[in-house]
Amino acid sequence: GHTLVVDGKQYIFHIIPSGILYQD
């Protein structure tokens, strides 16, 4: 489980790579 906090929002990923938050 990878937890990210971006612009005050928390995202937790278990399978998808964390880089998915970048659209490009």
mmCIF file of all heavy atoms, coordinates in Angstrom:
data_MODEL
# 
_entry.id   MODEL 
# 
loop_
_atom_site.group_PDB 
_atom_site.id 
_atom_site.type_symbol 
_atom_site.label_atom_id 
_atom_site.label_alt_id 
_atom_site.label_comp_id 
_atom_site.label_asym_id 
_atom_site.label_entity_id 
_atom_site.label_seq_id 
_atom_site.pdbx_PDB_ins_code 
_atom_site.Cartn_x 
_atom_site.Cartn_y 
_atom_site.Cartn_z 
_atom_site.occupancy 
_atom_site.B_iso_or_equiv 
_atom_site.pdbx_formal_charge 
_atom_site.auth_seq_id 
_atom_site.auth_comp_id 
_atom_site.auth_asym_id 
_atom_site.auth_atom_id 
_atom_site.pdbx_PDB_model_num 
ATOM 1   N N   . GLY A 1 1  ? 0.826  -1.194 0.000   1.00 0.00 ? 1  GLY A N   1 
ATOM 2   C CA  . GLY A 1 1  ? 0.000  0.000  0.000   1.00 0.00 ? 1  GLY A CA  1 
ATOM 3   C C   . GLY A 1 1  ? 0.863  1.247  0.000   1.00 0.00 ? 1  GLY A C   1 
ATOM 4   O O   . GLY A 1 1  ? 1.707  1.413  0.872   1.00 0.00 ? 1  GLY A O   1 
ATOM 5   N N   . HIS A 1 2  ? 0.678  2.096  -0.998  1.00 0.00 ? 2  HIS A N   1 
ATOM 6   C CA  . HIS A 1 2  ? 1.436  3.334  -1.079  1.00 0.00 ? 2  HIS A CA  1 
ATOM 7   C C   . HIS A 1 2  ? 0.493  4.513  -0.864  1.00 0.00 ? 2  HIS A C   1 
ATOM 8   O O   . HIS A 1 2  ? -0.507 4.659  -1.568  1.00 0.00 ? 2  HIS A O   1 
ATOM 9   C CB  . HIS A 1 2  ? 2.130  3.461  -2.443  1.00 0.00 ? 2  HIS A CB  1 
ATOM 10  C CG  . HIS A 1 2  ? 3.226  2.465  -2.627  1.00 0.00 ? 2  HIS A CG  1 
ATOM 11  N ND1 . HIS A 1 2  ? 3.881  2.288  -3.837  1.00 0.00 ? 2  HIS A ND1 1 
ATOM 12  C CD2 . HIS A 1 2  ? 3.789  1.591  -1.766  1.00 0.00 ? 2  HIS A CD2 1 
ATOM 13  C CE1 . HIS A 1 2  ? 4.798  1.351  -3.694  1.00 0.00 ? 2  HIS A CE1 1 
ATOM 14  N NE2 . HIS A 1 2  ? 4.760  0.909  -2.450  1.00 0.00 ? 2  HIS A NE2 1 
ATOM 15  N N   . THR A 1 3  ? 0.791  5.326  0.122   1.00 0.00 ? 3  THR A N   1 
ATOM 16  C CA  . THR A 1 3  ? -0.062 6.455  0.476   1.00 0.00 ? 3  THR A CA  1 
ATOM 17  C C   . THR A 1 3  ? 0.573  7.754  0.006   1.00 0.00 ? 3  THR A C   1 
ATOM 18  O O   . THR A 1 3  ? 1.737  8.013  0.285   1.00 0.00 ? 3  THR A O   1 
ATOM 19  C CB  . THR A 1 3  ? -0.284 6.515  1.991   1.00 0.00 ? 3  THR A CB  1 
ATOM 20  O OG1 . THR A 1 3  ? -0.849 5.275  2.426   1.00 0.00 ? 3  THR A OG1 1 
ATOM 21  C CG2 . THR A 1 3  ? -1.229 7.649  2.355   1.00 0.00 ? 3  THR A CG2 1 
ATOM 22  N N   . LEU A 1 4  ? -0.196 8.573  -0.700  1.00 0.00 ? 4  LEU A N   1 
ATOM 23  C CA  . LEU A 1 4  ? 0.262  9.877  -1.168  1.00 0.00 ? 4  LEU A CA  1 
ATOM 24  C C   . LEU A 1 4  ? -0.693 10.953 -0.685  1.00 0.00 ? 4  LEU A C   1 
ATOM 25  O O   . LEU A 1 4  ? -1.903 10.729 -0.592  1.00 0.00 ? 4  LEU A O   1 
ATOM 26  C CB  . LEU A 1 4  ? 0.311  9.926  -2.704  1.00 0.00 ? 4  LEU A CB  1 
ATOM 27  C CG  . LEU A 1 4  ? 1.167  8.881  -3.426  1.00 0.00 ? 4  LEU A CG  1 
ATOM 28  C CD1 . LEU A 1 4  ? 1.008  9.048  -4.932  1.00 0.00 ? 4  LEU A CD1 1 
ATOM 29  C CD2 . LEU A 1 4  ? 2.613  9.030  -3.037  1.00 0.00 ? 4  LEU A CD2 1 
ATOM 30  N N   . VAL A 1 5  ? -0.137 12.120 -0.379  1.00 0.00 ? 5  VAL A N   1 
ATOM 31  C CA  . VAL A 1 5  ? -0.951 13.286 -0.059  1.00 0.00 ? 5  VAL A CA  1 
ATOM 32  C C   . VAL A 1 5  ? -0.603 14.365 -1.070  1.00 0.00 ? 5  VAL A C   1 
ATOM 33  O O   . VAL A 1 5  ? 0.514  14.877 -1.101  1.00 0.00 ? 5  VAL A O   1 
ATOM 34  C CB  . VAL A 1 5  ? -0.686 13.797 1.371   1.00 0.00 ? 5  VAL A CB  1 
ATOM 35  C CG1 . VAL A 1 5  ? -1.528 15.040 1.649   1.00 0.00 ? 5  VAL A CG1 1 
ATOM 36  C CG2 . VAL A 1 5  ? -0.994 12.706 2.392   1.00 0.00 ? 5  VAL A CG2 1 
ATOM 37  N N   . VAL A 1 6  ? -1.552 14.697 -1.933  1.00 0.00 ? 6  VAL A N   1 
ATOM 38  C CA  . VAL A 1 6  ? -1.334 15.671 -3.002  1.00 0.00 ? 6  VAL A CA  1 
ATOM 39  C C   . VAL A 1 6  ? -2.444 16.716 -2.945  1.00 0.00 ? 6  VAL A C   1 
ATOM 40  O O   . VAL A 1 6  ? -3.628 16.374 -3.018  1.00 0.00 ? 6  VAL A O   1 
ATOM 41  C CB  . VAL A 1 6  ? -1.313 14.992 -4.391  1.00 0.00 ? 6  VAL A CB  1 
ATOM 42  C CG1 . VAL A 1 6  ? -1.086 16.023 -5.487  1.00 0.00 ? 6  VAL A CG1 1 
ATOM 43  C CG2 . VAL A 1 6  ? -0.226 13.920 -4.440  1.00 0.00 ? 6  VAL A CG2 1 
ATOM 44  N N   . ASP A 1 7  ? -2.043 17.965 -2.780  1.00 0.00 ? 7  ASP A N   1 
ATOM 45  C CA  . ASP A 1 7  ? -3.014 19.065 -2.691  1.00 0.00 ? 7  ASP A CA  1 
ATOM 46  C C   . ASP A 1 7  ? -4.054 18.796 -1.604  1.00 0.00 ? 7  ASP A C   1 
ATOM 47  O O   . ASP A 1 7  ? -5.251 19.083 -1.770  1.00 0.00 ? 7  ASP A O   1 
ATOM 48  C CB  . ASP A 1 7  ? -3.711 19.289 -4.044  1.00 0.00 ? 7  ASP A CB  1 
ATOM 49  C CG  . ASP A 1 7  ? -2.733 19.722 -5.131  1.00 0.00 ? 7  ASP A CG  1 
ATOM 50  O OD1 . ASP A 1 7  ? -1.731 20.381 -4.795  1.00 0.00 ? 7  ASP A OD1 1 
ATOM 51  O OD2 . ASP A 1 7  ? -2.966 19.371 -6.302  1.00 0.00 ? 7  ASP A OD2 1 
ATOM 52  N N   . GLY A 1 8  ? -3.596 18.232 -0.501  1.00 0.00 ? 8  GLY A N   1 
ATOM 53  C CA  . GLY A 1 8  ? -4.480 17.967 0.625   1.00 0.00 ? 8  GLY A CA  1 
ATOM 54  C C   . GLY A 1 8  ? -5.338 16.720 0.478   1.00 0.00 ? 8  GLY A C   1 
ATOM 55  O O   . GLY A 1 8  ? -6.060 16.356 1.405   1.00 0.00 ? 8  GLY A O   1 
ATOM 56  N N   . LYS A 1 9  ? -5.263 16.022 -0.678  1.00 0.00 ? 9  LYS A N   1 
ATOM 57  C CA  . LYS A 1 9  ? -6.045 14.814 -0.894  1.00 0.00 ? 9  LYS A CA  1 
ATOM 58  C C   . LYS A 1 9  ? -5.162 13.590 -0.695  1.00 0.00 ? 9  LYS A C   1 
ATOM 59  O O   . LYS A 1 9  ? -4.017 13.560 -1.124  1.00 0.00 ? 9  LYS A O   1 
ATOM 60  C CB  . LYS A 1 9  ? -6.628 14.787 -2.318  1.00 0.00 ? 9  LYS A CB  1 
ATOM 61  C CG  . LYS A 1 9  ? -7.653 15.860 -2.608  1.00 0.00 ? 9  LYS A CG  1 
ATOM 62  C CD  . LYS A 1 9  ? -8.192 15.717 -4.029  1.00 0.00 ? 9  LYS A CD  1 
ATOM 63  C CE  . LYS A 1 9  ? -9.216 16.788 -4.356  1.00 0.00 ? 9  LYS A CE  1 
ATOM 64  N NZ  . LYS A 1 9  ? -9.722 16.667 -5.760  1.00 0.00 ? 9  LYS A NZ  1 
ATOM 65  N N   . GLN A 1 10 ? -5.698 12.590 -0.018  1.00 0.00 ? 10 GLN A N   1 
ATOM 66  C CA  . GLN A 1 10 ? -4.961 11.356 0.207   1.00 0.00 ? 10 GLN A CA  1 
ATOM 67  C C   . GLN A 1 10 ? -5.338 10.306 -0.828  1.00 0.00 ? 10 GLN A C   1 
ATOM 68  O O   . GLN A 1 10 ? -6.502 10.075 -1.118  1.00 0.00 ? 10 GLN A O   1 
ATOM 69  C CB  . GLN A 1 10 ? -5.238 10.808 1.611   1.00 0.00 ? 10 GLN A CB  1 
ATOM 70  C CG  . GLN A 1 10 ? -4.401 9.579  1.957   1.00 0.00 ? 10 GLN A CG  1 
ATOM 71  C CD  . GLN A 1 10 ? -4.709 9.025  3.325   1.00 0.00 ? 10 GLN A CD  1 
ATOM 72  O OE1 . GLN A 1 10 ? -5.731 8.352  3.519   1.00 0.00 ? 10 GLN A OE1 1 
ATOM 73  N NE2 . GLN A 1 10 ? -3.850 9.302  4.288   1.00 0.00 ? 10 GLN A NE2 1 
ATOM 74  N N   . TYR A 1 11 ? -4.321 9.673  -1.392  1.00 0.00 ? 11 TYR A N   1 
ATOM 75  C CA  . TYR A 1 11 ? -4.515 8.596  -2.356  1.00 0.00 ? 11 TYR A CA  1 
ATOM 76  C C   . TYR A 1 11 ? -3.771 7.369  -1.834  1.00 0.00 ? 11 TYR A C   1 
ATOM 77  O O   . TYR A 1 11 ? -2.621 7.472  -1.404  1.00 0.00 ? 11 TYR A O   1 
ATOM 78  C CB  . TYR A 1 11 ? -3.957 8.959  -3.729  1.00 0.00 ? 11 TYR A CB  1 
ATOM 79  C CG  . TYR A 1 11 ? -4.595 10.164 -4.385  1.00 0.00 ? 11 TYR A CG  1 
ATOM 80  C CD1 . TYR A 1 11 ? -4.144 11.450 -4.102  1.00 0.00 ? 11 TYR A CD1 1 
ATOM 81  C CD2 . TYR A 1 11 ? -5.638 10.017 -5.298  1.00 0.00 ? 11 TYR A CD2 1 
ATOM 82  C CE1 . TYR A 1 11 ? -4.722 12.558 -4.705  1.00 0.00 ? 11 TYR A CE1 1 
ATOM 83  C CE2 . TYR A 1 11 ? -6.215 11.123 -5.912  1.00 0.00 ? 11 TYR A CE2 1 
ATOM 84  C CZ  . TYR A 1 11 ? -5.756 12.388 -5.615  1.00 0.00 ? 11 TYR A CZ  1 
ATOM 85  O OH  . TYR A 1 11 ? -6.328 13.486 -6.215  1.00 0.00 ? 11 TYR A OH  1 
ATOM 86  N N   . ILE A 1 12 ? -4.418 6.206  -1.868  1.00 0.00 ? 12 ILE A N   1 
ATOM 87  C CA  . ILE A 1 12 ? -3.772 4.957  -1.480  1.00 0.00 ? 12 ILE A CA  1 
ATOM 88  C C   . ILE A 1 12 ? -3.848 3.995  -2.650  1.00 0.00 ? 12 ILE A C   1 
ATOM 89  O O   . ILE A 1 12 ? -4.926 3.684  -3.150  1.00 0.00 ? 12 ILE A O   1 
ATOM 90  C CB  . ILE A 1 12 ? -4.441 4.338  -0.243  1.00 0.00 ? 12 ILE A CB  1 
ATOM 91  C CG1 . ILE A 1 12 ? -4.318 5.280  0.963   1.00 0.00 ? 12 ILE A CG1 1 
ATOM 92  C CG2 . ILE A 1 12 ? -3.786 2.990  0.091   1.00 0.00 ? 12 ILE A CG2 1 
ATOM 93  C CD1 . ILE A 1 12 ? -4.996 4.763  2.217   1.00 0.00 ? 12 ILE A CD1 1 
ATOM 94  N N   . PHE A 1 13 ? -2.669 3.554  -3.109  1.00 0.00 ? 13 PHE A N   1 
ATOM 95  C CA  . PHE A 1 13 ? -2.595 2.630  -4.226  1.00 0.00 ? 13 PHE A CA  1 
ATOM 96  C C   . PHE A 1 13 ? -2.074 1.281  -3.750  1.00 0.00 ? 13 PHE A C   1 
ATOM 97  O O   . PHE A 1 13 ? -1.134 1.204  -2.967  1.00 0.00 ? 13 PHE A O   1 
ATOM 98  C CB  . PHE A 1 13 ? -1.660 3.171  -5.318  1.00 0.00 ? 13 PHE A CB  1 
ATOM 99  C CG  . PHE A 1 13 ? -2.114 4.465  -5.926  1.00 0.00 ? 13 PHE A CG  1 
ATOM 100 C CD1 . PHE A 1 13 ? -1.474 5.659  -5.630  1.00 0.00 ? 13 PHE A CD1 1 
ATOM 101 C CD2 . PHE A 1 13 ? -3.198 4.491  -6.787  1.00 0.00 ? 13 PHE A CD2 1 
ATOM 102 C CE1 . PHE A 1 13 ? -1.891 6.852  -6.185  1.00 0.00 ? 13 PHE A CE1 1 
ATOM 103 C CE2 . PHE A 1 13 ? -3.632 5.683  -7.342  1.00 0.00 ? 13 PHE A CE2 1 
ATOM 104 C CZ  . PHE A 1 13 ? -2.981 6.869  -7.038  1.00 0.00 ? 13 PHE A CZ  1 
ATOM 105 N N   . HIS A 1 14 ? -2.677 0.209  -4.255  1.00 0.00 ? 14 HIS A N   1 
ATOM 106 C CA  . HIS A 1 14 ? -2.245 -1.139 -3.911  1.00 0.00 ? 14 HIS A CA  1 
ATOM 107 C C   . HIS A 1 14 ? -1.667 -1.870 -5.119  1.00 0.00 ? 14 HIS A C   1 
ATOM 108 O O   . HIS A 1 14 ? -0.838 -2.769 -4.948  1.00 0.00 ? 14 HIS A O   1 
ATOM 109 C CB  . HIS A 1 14 ? -3.408 -1.939 -3.330  1.00 0.00 ? 14 HIS A CB  1 
ATOM 110 C CG  . HIS A 1 14 ? -3.953 -1.351 -2.057  1.00 0.00 ? 14 HIS A CG  1 
ATOM 111 N ND1 . HIS A 1 14 ? -3.296 -1.475 -0.845  1.00 0.00 ? 14 HIS A ND1 1 
ATOM 112 C CD2 . HIS A 1 14 ? -5.058 -0.620 -1.802  1.00 0.00 ? 14 HIS A CD2 1 
ATOM 113 C CE1 . HIS A 1 14 ? -3.994 -0.856 0.098   1.00 0.00 ? 14 HIS A CE1 1 
ATOM 114 N NE2 . HIS A 1 14 ? -5.059 -0.334 -0.463  1.00 0.00 ? 14 HIS A NE2 1 
ATOM 115 N N   . ILE A 1 15 ? -2.092 -1.533 -6.308  1.00 0.00 ? 15 ILE A N   1 
ATOM 116 C CA  . ILE A 1 15 ? -1.599 -2.200 -7.516  1.00 0.00 ? 15 ILE A CA  1 
ATOM 117 C C   . ILE A 1 15 ? -1.109 -1.189 -8.550  1.00 0.00 ? 15 ILE A C   1 
ATOM 118 O O   . ILE A 1 15 ? -0.003 -1.316 -9.076  1.00 0.00 ? 15 ILE A O   1 
ATOM 119 C CB  . ILE A 1 15 ? -2.694 -3.090 -8.153  1.00 0.00 ? 15 ILE A CB  1 
ATOM 120 C CG1 . ILE A 1 15 ? -3.165 -4.158 -7.148  1.00 0.00 ? 15 ILE A CG1 1 
ATOM 121 C CG2 . ILE A 1 15 ? -2.143 -3.767 -9.406  1.00 0.00 ? 15 ILE A CG2 1 
ATOM 122 C CD1 . ILE A 1 15 ? -4.251 -5.037 -7.675  1.00 0.00 ? 15 ILE A CD1 1 
ATOM 123 N N   . ILE A 1 16 ? -1.915 -0.191 -8.846  1.00 0.00 ? 16 ILE A N   1 
ATOM 124 C CA  . ILE A 1 16 ? -1.536 0.784  -9.871  1.00 0.00 ? 16 ILE A CA  1 
ATOM 125 C C   . ILE A 1 16 ? -0.311 1.575  -9.409  1.00 0.00 ? 16 ILE A C   1 
ATOM 126 O O   . ILE A 1 16 ? -0.254 2.024  -8.268  1.00 0.00 ? 16 ILE A O   1 
ATOM 127 C CB  . ILE A 1 16 ? -2.707 1.748  -10.155 1.00 0.00 ? 16 ILE A CB  1 
ATOM 128 C CG1 . ILE A 1 16 ? -3.900 0.978  -10.725 1.00 0.00 ? 16 ILE A CG1 1 
ATOM 129 C CG2 . ILE A 1 16 ? -2.291 2.839  -11.127 1.00 0.00 ? 16 ILE A CG2 1 
ATOM 130 C CD1 . ILE A 1 16 ? -5.109 1.837  -10.988 1.00 0.00 ? 16 ILE A CD1 1 
ATOM 131 N N   . PRO A 1 17 ? 0.683  1.761  -10.266 1.00 0.00 ? 17 PRO A N   1 
ATOM 132 C CA  . PRO A 1 17 ? 1.848  2.569  -9.897  1.00 0.00 ? 17 PRO A CA  1 
ATOM 133 C C   . PRO A 1 17 ? 1.441  3.976  -9.476  1.00 0.00 ? 17 PRO A C   1 
ATOM 134 O O   . PRO A 1 17 ? 0.488  4.560  -10.011 1.00 0.00 ? 17 PRO A O   1 
ATOM 135 C CB  . PRO A 1 17 ? 2.679  2.595  -11.194 1.00 0.00 ? 17 PRO A CB  1 
ATOM 136 C CG  . PRO A 1 17 ? 2.291  1.349  -11.904 1.00 0.00 ? 17 PRO A CG  1 
ATOM 137 C CD  . PRO A 1 17 ? 0.829  1.156  -11.608 1.00 0.00 ? 17 PRO A CD  1 
ATOM 138 N N   . SER A 1 18 ? 2.188  4.519  -8.512  1.00 0.00 ? 18 SER A N   1 
ATOM 139 C CA  . SER A 1 18 ? 1.857  5.837  -7.967  1.00 0.00 ? 18 SER A CA  1 
ATOM 140 C C   . SER A 1 18 ? 1.904  6.935  -9.029  1.00 0.00 ? 18 SER A C   1 
ATOM 141 O O   . SER A 1 18 ? 1.261  7.982  -8.873  1.00 0.00 ? 18 SER A O   1 
ATOM 142 C CB  . SER A 1 18 ? 2.832  6.185  -6.831  1.00 0.00 ? 18 SER A CB  1 
ATOM 143 O OG  . SER A 1 18 ? 2.859  5.163  -5.869  1.00 0.00 ? 18 SER A OG  1 
ATOM 144 N N   . GLY A 1 19 ? 2.663  6.703  -10.081 1.00 0.00 ? 19 GLY A N   1 
ATOM 145 C CA  . GLY A 1 19 ? 2.793  7.711  -11.128 1.00 0.00 ? 19 GLY A CA  1 
ATOM 146 C C   . GLY A 1 19 ? 1.524  7.998  -11.898 1.00 0.00 ? 19 GLY A C   1 
ATOM 147 O O   . GLY A 1 19 ? 1.487  8.923  -12.721 1.00 0.00 ? 19 GLY A O   1 
ATOM 148 N N   . ILE A 1 20 ? 0.459  7.241  -11.606 1.00 0.00 ? 20 ILE A N   1 
ATOM 149 C CA  . ILE A 1 20 ? -0.787 7.429  -12.345 1.00 0.00 ? 20 ILE A CA  1 
ATOM 150 C C   . ILE A 1 20 ? -1.388 8.812  -12.096 1.00 0.00 ? 20 ILE A C   1 
ATOM 151 O O   . ILE A 1 20 ? -2.223 9.287  -12.888 1.00 0.00 ? 20 ILE A O   1 
ATOM 152 C CB  . ILE A 1 20 ? -1.804 6.329  -11.969 1.00 0.00 ? 20 ILE A CB  1 
ATOM 153 C CG1 . ILE A 1 20 ? -2.875 6.166  -13.060 1.00 0.00 ? 20 ILE A CG1 1 
ATOM 154 C CG2 . ILE A 1 20 ? -2.420 6.608  -10.614 1.00 0.00 ? 20 ILE A CG2 1 
ATOM 155 C CD1 . ILE A 1 20 ? -2.363 5.572  -14.327 1.00 0.00 ? 20 ILE A CD1 1 
ATOM 156 N N   . LEU A 1 21 ? -0.964 9.496  -11.022 1.00 0.00 ? 21 LEU A N   1 
ATOM 157 C CA  . LEU A 1 21 ? -1.508 10.829 -10.731 1.00 0.00 ? 21 LEU A CA  1 
ATOM 158 C C   . LEU A 1 21 ? -1.033 11.871 -11.734 1.00 0.00 ? 21 LEU A C   1 
ATOM 159 O O   . LEU A 1 21 ? -1.593 12.965 -11.796 1.00 0.00 ? 21 LEU A O   1 
ATOM 160 C CB  . LEU A 1 21 ? -1.124 11.250 -9.310  1.00 0.00 ? 21 LEU A CB  1 
ATOM 161 C CG  . LEU A 1 21 ? -1.709 10.404 -8.182  1.00 0.00 ? 21 LEU A CG  1 
ATOM 162 C CD1 . LEU A 1 21 ? -1.275 10.940 -6.833  1.00 0.00 ? 21 LEU A CD1 1 
ATOM 163 C CD2 . LEU A 1 21 ? -3.235 10.365 -8.263  1.00 0.00 ? 21 LEU A CD2 1 
ATOM 164 N N   . TYR A 1 22 ? 0.010  11.539 -12.507 1.00 0.00 ? 22 TYR A N   1 
ATOM 165 C CA  . TYR A 1 22 ? 0.478  12.438 -13.564 1.00 0.00 ? 22 TYR A CA  1 
ATOM 166 C C   . TYR A 1 22 ? -0.177 12.033 -14.886 1.00 0.00 ? 22 TYR A C   1 
ATOM 167 O O   . TYR A 1 22 ? 0.006  10.913 -15.366 1.00 0.00 ? 22 TYR A O   1 
ATOM 168 C CB  . TYR A 1 22 ? 2.002  12.361 -13.711 1.00 0.00 ? 22 TYR A CB  1 
ATOM 169 C CG  . TYR A 1 22 ? 2.778  13.015 -12.602 1.00 0.00 ? 22 TYR A CG  1 
ATOM 170 C CD1 . TYR A 1 22 ? 3.020  12.348 -11.410 1.00 0.00 ? 22 TYR A CD1 1 
ATOM 171 C CD2 . TYR A 1 22 ? 3.297  14.300 -12.750 1.00 0.00 ? 22 TYR A CD2 1 
ATOM 172 C CE1 . TYR A 1 22 ? 3.745  12.943 -10.383 1.00 0.00 ? 22 TYR A CE1 1 
ATOM 173 C CE2 . TYR A 1 22 ? 4.025  14.902 -11.732 1.00 0.00 ? 22 TYR A CE2 1 
ATOM 174 C CZ  . TYR A 1 22 ? 4.250  14.218 -10.554 1.00 0.00 ? 22 TYR A CZ  1 
ATOM 175 O OH  . TYR A 1 22 ? 4.973  14.798 -9.555  1.00 0.00 ? 22 TYR A OH  1 
ATOM 176 N N   . GLN A 1 23 ? -0.908 12.946 -15.493 1.00 0.00 ? 23 GLN A N   1 
ATOM 177 C CA  . GLN A 1 23 ? -1.670 12.616 -16.691 1.00 0.00 ? 23 GLN A CA  1 
ATOM 178 C C   . GLN A 1 23 ? -0.791 12.350 -17.921 1.00 0.00 ? 23 GLN A C   1 
ATOM 179 O O   . GLN A 1 23 ? -1.245 11.736 -18.885 1.00 0.00 ? 23 GLN A O   1 
ATOM 180 C CB  . GLN A 1 23 ? -2.652 13.759 -17.008 1.00 0.00 ? 23 GLN A CB  1 
ATOM 181 C CG  . GLN A 1 23 ? -3.745 13.950 -15.974 1.00 0.00 ? 23 GLN A CG  1 
ATOM 182 C CD  . GLN A 1 23 ? -4.807 12.865 -16.015 1.00 0.00 ? 23 GLN A CD  1 
ATOM 183 O OE1 . GLN A 1 23 ? -4.930 12.154 -16.994 1.00 0.00 ? 23 GLN A OE1 1 
ATOM 184 N NE2 . GLN A 1 23 ? -5.567 12.727 -14.937 1.00 0.00 ? 23 GLN A NE2 1 
ATOM 185 N N   . ASP A 1 24 ? 0.458  12.819 -17.898 1.00 0.00 ? 24 ASP A N   1 
ATOM 186 C CA  . ASP A 1 24 ? 1.310  12.665 -19.077 1.00 0.00 ? 24 ASP A CA  1 
ATOM 187 C C   . ASP A 1 24 ? 2.304  11.514 -18.949 1.00 0.00 ? 24 ASP A C   1 
ATOM 188 O O   . ASP A 1 24 ? 3.247  11.415 -19.733 1.00 0.00 ? 24 ASP A O   1 
ATOM 189 C CB  . ASP A 1 24 ? 2.079  13.966 -19.345 1.00 0.00 ? 24 ASP A CB  1 
ATOM 190 C CG  . ASP A 1 24 ? 2.945  14.385 -18.165 1.00 0.00 ? 24 ASP A CG  1 
ATOM 191 O OD1 . ASP A 1 24 ? 2.668  13.946 -17.041 1.00 0.00 ? 24 ASP A OD1 1 
ATOM 192 O OD2 . ASP A 1 24 ? 3.900  15.151 -18.382 1.00 0.00 ? 24 ASP A OD2 1 
# 
